[in-house]
Amino acid sequence: MARGKRTTIQQRTGQKLLPMVEFEDGSVYRAESAEMAARTRAGKLFEGREGDATV
Protein backbone atom coordinates (compact mmCIF):
# COMPACT_ATOMS: atom_id res chain seq x y z
CA MET A 1 0.00 0.00 0.00
CA ALA A 2 1.42 3.36 -0.99
CA ARG A 3 2.14 5.72 1.90
CA GLY A 4 -0.06 8.42 0.32
CA LYS A 5 -3.07 6.08 0.37
CA ARG A 6 -3.00 5.25 4.07
CA THR A 7 -5.78 7.66 5.05
CA THR A 8 -8.00 4.82 6.23
CA ILE A 9 -5.18 3.36 8.33
CA GLN A 10 -4.55 6.75 9.92
CA GLN A 11 -8.25 7.23 10.67
CA ARG A 12 -8.48 3.79 12.31
CA THR A 13 -5.23 3.81 14.32
CA GLY A 14 -4.15 7.44 14.54
CA GLN A 15 -0.98 6.51 12.63
CA LYS A 16 0.04 5.84 9.03
CA LEU A 17 2.11 2.84 10.05
CA LEU A 18 1.55 -0.79 9.16
CA PRO A 19 1.09 -3.59 10.07
CA MET A 20 -2.40 -3.44 11.48
CA VAL A 21 -4.95 -6.12 12.27
CA GLU A 22 -8.65 -5.30 12.01
CA PHE A 23 -10.87 -7.65 14.00
CA GLU A 24 -14.40 -8.69 13.05
CA ASP A 25 -15.89 -6.27 15.60
CA GLY A 26 -14.13 -3.33 13.89
CA SER A 27 -11.46 -2.84 16.57
CA VAL A 28 -7.85 -2.64 15.40
CA TYR A 29 -4.47 -3.67 16.74
CA ARG A 30 -1.31 -1.86 15.58
CA ALA A 31 2.21 -2.59 16.76
CA GLU A 32 5.65 -3.19 15.34
CA SER A 33 5.99 -6.38 13.30
CA ALA A 34 8.16 -8.24 15.83
CA GLU A 35 5.77 -7.42 18.69
CA MET A 36 2.74 -8.52 16.67
CA ALA A 37 4.46 -11.75 15.65
CA ALA A 38 5.45 -12.55 19.24
CA ARG A 39 1.94 -11.84 20.52
CA THR A 40 0.43 -14.02 17.79
CA ARG A 41 2.85 -16.89 18.45
CA ALA A 42 2.04 -16.69 22.16
CA GLY A 43 -1.67 -17.03 21.34
CA LYS A 44 -2.46 -13.60 22.81
CA LEU A 45 -3.59 -11.69 19.71
CA PHE A 46 -7.18 -11.48 20.94
CA GLU A 47 -6.40 -10.62 24.58
CA GLY A 48 -7.08 -7.18 26.05
CA ARG A 49 -8.77 -5.60 23.07
CA GLU A 50 -12.25 -4.92 24.48
CA GLY A 51 -12.82 -1.23 25.09
CA ASP A 52 -9.49 -0.25 23.51
CA ALA A 53 -9.47 0.48 19.80
CA THR A 54 -5.70 0.28 19.39
CA VAL A 55 -4.62 -2.28 21.97
PDB file of N, CA and C in Angstrom:
ATOM      1  N   MET A   1       0.854  -1.169   0.000  1.00  0.00           N
ATOM      2  CA  MET A   1       0.000   0.000   0.000  1.00  0.00           C
ATOM      3  C   MET A   1       0.899   1.231   0.000  1.00  0.00           C
ATOM      4  N   ALA A   2       0.639   2.136  -0.901  1.00  0.00           N
ATOM      5  CA  ALA A   2       1.423   3.364  -0.995  1.00  0.00           C
ATOM      6  C   ALA A   2       1.194   4.238   0.228  1.00  0.00           C
ATOM      7  N   ARG A   3       2.249   4.887   0.699  1.00  0.00           N
ATOM      8  CA  ARG A   3       2.144   5.722   1.897  1.00  0.00           C
ATOM      9  C   ARG A   3       1.088   6.814   1.739  1.00  0.00           C
ATOM     10  N   GLY A   4       0.919   7.360   0.553  1.00  0.00           N
ATOM     11  CA  GLY A   4      -0.065   8.417   0.325  1.00  0.00           C
ATOM     12  C   GLY A   4      -1.499   7.938   0.395  1.00  0.00           C
ATOM     13  N   LYS A   5      -1.718   6.640   0.372  1.00  0.00           N
ATOM     14  CA  LYS A   5      -3.068   6.082   0.368  1.00  0.00           C
ATOM     15  C   LYS A   5      -3.414   5.433   1.703  1.00  0.00           C
ATOM     16  N   ARG A   6      -2.771   5.868   2.760  1.00  0.00           N
ATOM     17  CA  ARG A   6      -3.002   5.254   4.069  1.00  0.00           C
ATOM     18  C   ARG A   6      -3.967   6.060   4.931  1.00  0.00           C
ATOM     19  N   THR A   7      -4.818   6.838   4.311  1.00  0.00           N
ATOM     20  CA  THR A   7      -5.781   7.656   5.048  1.00  0.00           C
ATOM     21  C   THR A   7      -6.658   6.803   5.949  1.00  0.00           C
ATOM     22  N   THR A   8      -7.140   5.695   5.441  1.00  0.00           N
ATOM     23  CA  THR A   8      -7.999   4.817   6.230  1.00  0.00           C
ATOM     24  C   THR A   8      -7.247   4.264   7.435  1.00  0.00           C
ATOM     25  N   ILE A   9      -6.001   3.867   7.231  1.00  0.00           N
ATOM     26  CA  ILE A   9      -5.183   3.355   8.335  1.00  0.00           C
ATOM     27  C   ILE A   9      -5.025   4.438   9.397  1.00  0.00           C
ATOM     28  N   GLN A  10      -4.737   5.653   8.972  1.00  0.00           N
ATOM     29  CA  GLN A  10      -4.547   6.749   9.921  1.00  0.00           C
ATOM     30  C   GLN A  10      -5.840   7.047  10.674  1.00  0.00           C
ATOM     31  N   GLN A  11      -6.962   6.997  10.007  1.00  0.00           N
ATOM     32  CA  GLN A  11      -8.250   7.234  10.673  1.00  0.00           C
ATOM     33  C   GLN A  11      -8.531   6.150  11.709  1.00  0.00           C
ATOM     34  N   ARG A  12      -8.179   4.921  11.411  1.00  0.00           N
ATOM     35  CA  ARG A  12      -8.475   3.794  12.311  1.00  0.00           C
ATOM     36  C   ARG A  12      -7.533   3.716  13.505  1.00  0.00           C
ATOM     37  N   THR A  13      -6.226   4.023  13.286  1.00  0.00           N
ATOM     38  CA  THR A  13      -5.227   3.814  14.324  1.00  0.00           C
ATOM     39  C   THR A  13      -4.599   5.091  14.860  1.00  0.00           C
ATOM     40  N   GLY A  14      -4.811   6.199  14.162  1.00  0.00           N
ATOM     41  CA  GLY A  14      -4.153   7.444  14.540  1.00  0.00           C
ATOM     42  C   GLY A  14      -2.734   7.526  14.000  1.00  0.00           C
ATOM     43  N   GLN A  15      -2.320   6.557  13.203  1.00  0.00           N
ATOM     44  CA  GLN A  15      -0.977   6.510  12.626  1.00  0.00           C
ATOM     45  C   GLN A  15      -1.064   6.051  11.177  1.00  0.00           C
ATOM     46  N   LYS A  16      -0.027   6.316  10.410  1.00  0.00           N
ATOM     47  CA  LYS A  16       0.039   5.838   9.032  1.00  0.00           C
ATOM     48  C   LYS A  16       0.852   4.555   8.915  1.00  0.00           C
ATOM     49  N   LEU A  17       1.212   3.992  10.042  1.00  0.00           N
ATOM     50  CA  LEU A  17       2.107   2.839  10.048  1.00  0.00           C
ATOM     51  C   LEU A  17       1.368   1.517   9.907  1.00  0.00           C
ATOM     52  N   LEU A  18       2.026   0.576   9.265  1.00  0.00           N
ATOM     53  CA  LEU A  18       1.550  -0.793   9.165  1.00  0.00           C
ATOM     54  C   LEU A  18       2.580  -1.663   9.856  1.00  0.00           C
ATOM     55  N   PRO A  19       2.312  -2.836  10.289  1.00  0.00           N
ATOM     56  CA  PRO A  19       1.090  -3.594  10.066  1.00  0.00           C
ATOM     57  C   PRO A  19      -0.011  -3.231  11.049  1.00  0.00           C
ATOM     58  N   MET A  20      -1.196  -3.656  10.679  1.00  0.00           N
ATOM     59  CA  MET A  20      -2.395  -3.436  11.475  1.00  0.00           C
ATOM     60  C   MET A  20      -3.302  -4.644  11.295  1.00  0.00           C
ATOM     61  N   VAL A  21      -3.966  -5.051  12.349  1.00  0.00           N
ATOM     62  CA  VAL A  21      -4.951  -6.124  12.270  1.00  0.00           C
ATOM     63  C   VAL A  21      -6.297  -5.502  12.598  1.00  0.00           C
ATOM     64  N   GLU A  22      -7.280  -5.736  11.731  1.00  0.00           N
ATOM     65  CA  GLU A  22      -8.646  -5.299  12.009  1.00  0.00           C
ATOM     66  C   GLU A  22      -9.463  -6.536  12.357  1.00  0.00           C
ATOM     67  N   PHE A  23     -10.073  -6.513  13.534  1.00  0.00           N
ATOM     68  CA  PHE A  23     -10.867  -7.645  14.000  1.00  0.00           C
ATOM     69  C   PHE A  23     -12.300  -7.535  13.480  1.00  0.00           C
ATOM     70  N   GLU A  24     -13.029  -8.640  13.552  1.00  0.00           N
ATOM     71  CA  GLU A  24     -14.400  -8.688  13.047  1.00  0.00           C
ATOM     72  C   GLU A  24     -15.304  -7.641  13.671  1.00  0.00           C
ATOM     73  N   ASP A  25     -15.043  -7.254  14.927  1.00  0.00           N
ATOM     74  CA  ASP A  25     -15.893  -6.267  15.595  1.00  0.00           C
ATOM     75  C   ASP A  25     -15.528  -4.832  15.222  1.00  0.00           C
ATOM     76  N   GLY A  26     -14.529  -4.659  14.337  1.00  0.00           N
ATOM     77  CA  GLY A  26     -14.131  -3.334  13.887  1.00  0.00           C
ATOM     78  C   GLY A  26     -12.982  -2.732  14.678  1.00  0.00           C
ATOM     79  N   SER A  27     -12.591  -3.351  15.800  1.00  0.00           N
ATOM     80  CA  SER A  27     -11.459  -2.842  16.566  1.00  0.00           C
ATOM     81  C   SER A  27     -10.172  -3.175  15.811  1.00  0.00           C
ATOM     82  N   VAL A  28      -9.118  -2.421  16.089  1.00  0.00           N
ATOM     83  CA  VAL A  28      -7.848  -2.639  15.403  1.00  0.00           C
ATOM     84  C   VAL A  28      -6.716  -2.796  16.400  1.00  0.00           C
ATOM     85  N   TYR A  29      -5.686  -3.487  15.960  1.00  0.00           N
ATOM     86  CA  TYR A  29      -4.468  -3.667  16.744  1.00  0.00           C
ATOM     87  C   TYR A  29      -3.312  -3.263  15.852  1.00  0.00           C
ATOM     88  N   ARG A  30      -2.457  -2.331  16.332  1.00  0.00           N
ATOM     89  CA  ARG A  30      -1.312  -1.856  15.576  1.00  0.00           C
ATOM     90  C   ARG A  30      -0.092  -1.881  16.479  1.00  0.00           C
ATOM     91  N   ALA A  31       0.952  -2.538  16.032  1.00  0.00           N
ATOM     92  CA  ALA A  31       2.210  -2.590  16.763  1.00  0.00           C
ATOM     93  C   ALA A  31       3.317  -2.877  15.754  1.00  0.00           C
ATOM     94  N   GLU A  32       4.535  -2.841  16.216  1.00  0.00           N
ATOM     95  CA  GLU A  32       5.653  -3.185  15.340  1.00  0.00           C
ATOM     96  C   GLU A  32       5.566  -4.666  14.972  1.00  0.00           C
ATOM     97  N   SER A  33       6.105  -5.021  13.832  1.00  0.00           N
ATOM     98  CA  SER A  33       5.990  -6.383  13.301  1.00  0.00           C
ATOM     99  C   SER A  33       6.454  -7.437  14.296  1.00  0.00           C
ATOM    100  N   ALA A  34       7.612  -7.243  14.902  1.00  0.00           N
ATOM    101  CA  ALA A  34       8.159  -8.239  15.831  1.00  0.00           C
ATOM    102  C   ALA A  34       7.239  -8.430  17.034  1.00  0.00           C
ATOM    103  N   GLU A  35       6.683  -7.332  17.547  1.00  0.00           N
ATOM    104  CA  GLU A  35       5.767  -7.422  18.689  1.00  0.00           C
ATOM    105  C   GLU A  35       4.487  -8.154  18.310  1.00  0.00           C
ATOM    106  N   MET A  36       3.957  -7.846  17.129  1.00  0.00           N
ATOM    107  CA  MET A  36       2.741  -8.518  16.670  1.00  0.00           C
ATOM    108  C   MET A  36       2.993 -10.006  16.472  1.00  0.00           C
ATOM    109  N   ALA A  37       4.130 -10.343  15.883  1.00  0.00           N
ATOM    110  CA  ALA A  37       4.459 -11.753  15.651  1.00  0.00           C
ATOM    111  C   ALA A  37       4.591 -12.501  16.974  1.00  0.00           C
ATOM    112  N   ALA A  38       5.270 -11.901  17.935  1.00  0.00           N
ATOM    113  CA  ALA A  38       5.449 -12.553  19.239  1.00  0.00           C
ATOM    114  C   ALA A  38       4.110 -12.747  19.935  1.00  0.00           C
ATOM    115  N   ARG A  39       3.260 -11.750  19.882  1.00  0.00           N
ATOM    116  CA  ARG A  39       1.939 -11.843  20.520  1.00  0.00           C
ATOM    117  C   ARG A  39       1.096 -12.926  19.852  1.00  0.00           C
ATOM    118  N   THR A  40       1.181 -12.999  18.535  1.00  0.00           N
ATOM    119  CA  THR A  40       0.429 -14.015  17.793  1.00  0.00           C
ATOM    120  C   THR A  40       0.943 -15.409  18.129  1.00  0.00           C
ATOM    121  N   ARG A  41       2.265 -15.582  18.117  1.00  0.00           N
ATOM    122  CA  ARG A  41       2.853 -16.894  18.447  1.00  0.00           C
ATOM    123  C   ARG A  41       2.490 -17.331  19.861  1.00  0.00           C
ATOM    124  N   ALA A  42       2.377 -16.375  20.768  1.00  0.00           N
ATOM    125  CA  ALA A  42       2.040 -16.688  22.162  1.00  0.00           C
ATOM    126  C   ALA A  42       0.545 -16.946  22.341  1.00  0.00           C
ATOM    127  N   GLY A  43      -0.237 -16.797  21.265  1.00  0.00           N
ATOM    128  CA  GLY A  43      -1.675 -17.032  21.339  1.00  0.00           C
ATOM    129  C   GLY A  43      -2.427 -15.920  22.056  1.00  0.00           C
ATOM    130  N   LYS A  44      -1.871 -14.705  22.061  1.00  0.00           N
ATOM    131  CA  LYS A  44      -2.460 -13.597  22.807  1.00  0.00           C
ATOM    132  C   LYS A  44      -2.983 -12.475  21.917  1.00  0.00           C
ATOM    133  N   LEU A  45      -3.145 -12.735  20.633  1.00  0.00           N
ATOM    134  CA  LEU A  45      -3.586 -11.686  19.712  1.00  0.00           C
ATOM    135  C   LEU A  45      -4.938 -11.103  20.104  1.00  0.00           C
ATOM    136  N   PHE A  46      -5.828 -11.935  20.625  1.00  0.00           N
ATOM    137  CA  PHE A  46      -7.181 -11.480  20.940  1.00  0.00           C
ATOM    138  C   PHE A  46      -7.334 -10.983  22.375  1.00  0.00           C
ATOM    139  N   GLU A  47      -6.289 -11.032  23.173  1.00  0.00           N
ATOM    140  CA  GLU A  47      -6.396 -10.615  24.581  1.00  0.00           C
ATOM    141  C   GLU A  47      -6.342  -9.100  24.728  1.00  0.00           C
ATOM    142  N   GLY A  48      -7.149  -8.574  25.661  1.00  0.00           N
ATOM    143  CA  GLY A  48      -7.082  -7.180  26.046  1.00  0.00           C
ATOM    144  C   GLY A  48      -7.541  -6.175  25.036  1.00  0.00           C
ATOM    145  N   ARG A  49      -8.373  -6.549  24.095  1.00  0.00           N
ATOM    146  CA  ARG A  49      -8.769  -5.595  23.073  1.00  0.00           C
ATOM    147  C   ARG A  49     -10.142  -4.979  23.308  1.00  0.00           C
ATOM    148  N   GLU A  50     -10.929  -5.486  24.220  1.00  0.00           N
ATOM    149  CA  GLU A  50     -12.248  -4.923  24.476  1.00  0.00           C
ATOM    150  C   GLU A  50     -12.115  -3.550  25.115  1.00  0.00           C
ATOM    151  N   GLY A  51     -12.811  -2.583  24.542  1.00  0.00           N
ATOM    152  CA  GLY A  51     -12.821  -1.226  25.095  1.00  0.00           C
ATOM    153  C   GLY A  51     -11.596  -0.423  24.718  1.00  0.00           C
ATOM    154  N   ASP A  52     -10.695  -0.971  23.915  1.00  0.00           N
ATOM    155  CA  ASP A  52      -9.493  -0.249  23.509  1.00  0.00           C
ATOM    156  C   ASP A  52      -9.299  -0.450  22.013  1.00  0.00           C
ATOM    157  N   ALA A  53      -9.488   0.589  21.240  1.00  0.00           N
ATOM    158  CA  ALA A  53      -9.475   0.480  19.796  1.00  0.00           C
ATOM    159  C   ALA A  53      -8.099   0.172  19.228  1.00  0.00           C
ATOM    160  N   THR A  54      -7.035   0.515  19.932  1.00  0.00           N
ATOM    161  CA  THR A  54      -5.700   0.280  19.394  1.00  0.00           C
ATOM    162  C   THR A  54      -4.824  -0.450  20.382  1.00  0.00           C
ATOM    163  N   VAL A  55      -5.347  -1.472  20.973  1.00  0.00           N
ATOM    164  CA  VAL A  55      -4.620  -2.277  21.970  1.00  0.00           C
ATOM    165  C   VAL A  55      -3.197  -2.064  21.781  1.00  0.00           C
TER     166      VAL A  55
END
